[in-house]
Structures are given as C-alpha cells and as structure tokens.
Amino acid sequence: QVQPVESGGGLVQPGGSLKLSCVASGSRFSRFAVPWYRQAPGKEREMVAIITSAGNTNYADSVRGRFTISRDNAKNTVYLQMNSLKPEDTAVYYCKYISTWGQGTQVTVSS
C-alpha cells in the first residue's frame, strides 16, 4: 500500500495562511478521490475537504470559504490552501490515499 506524505504545516498567526501538500506515488493517483482530515487534541478526526478524481470538491462547513483543495495529477499531489486561519484550526492534518493514512502535519494557529 502506498502511504501518502503530508507537508507544509507550521505555526501561523490568526488570519494567516498555509498551504499543505499531500504526495502519493504510483500511476493510479488520478483515479482516486483524496480527502484531507484533521484531528485536534481530545477530538475525533474530522474530514475537512475532499477532491474527487474529476476535480469536484466538498468542504466541512467550518472551513468552507476559507480553505481550497486542489490537485495536480502530473505531480501526484493534492493541496490544501488554508486562508484566514483561526486558533480552532489548530490540529494535525492528514490526507488519505485509497485506504492509507499519511503521518500528518501539525498546524498551529496562535499569536
């Protein structure tokens, strides 16, 4: 099974932006929907956004209008552009490729 690799997390002030990347190897990448999830301390993992193989997208209500998911199949990469970040966006962000989770990348929003 191919494990995706997330990157791009970090510490940002409220109102700031970050762009996460999820890379997965293999020739079938373009055939699969890829979601982004997040898990805050003491909370369940929740889906943040998803992009289908056709490029259709859907978002959690809590991030709609602030986050944008996109994909570049030539690079086997799915991105999550996060704008207007809030302290409540602090979490470990994971992507999932087919049935395999990545290791996650920490996003901390704090002044």
Foldseek 3Di string as FASTA:
>chain_A
DWEKAKDWADEAAQQAKIKMKIATDDDCLLQAKKWKWWDDPPGDIDTAKIAGSVGDIDGDPVQPPFWDWGDDVVRRMIMIIGGRDDQVVFTWMWMADPHHIHPTDTHGYHD
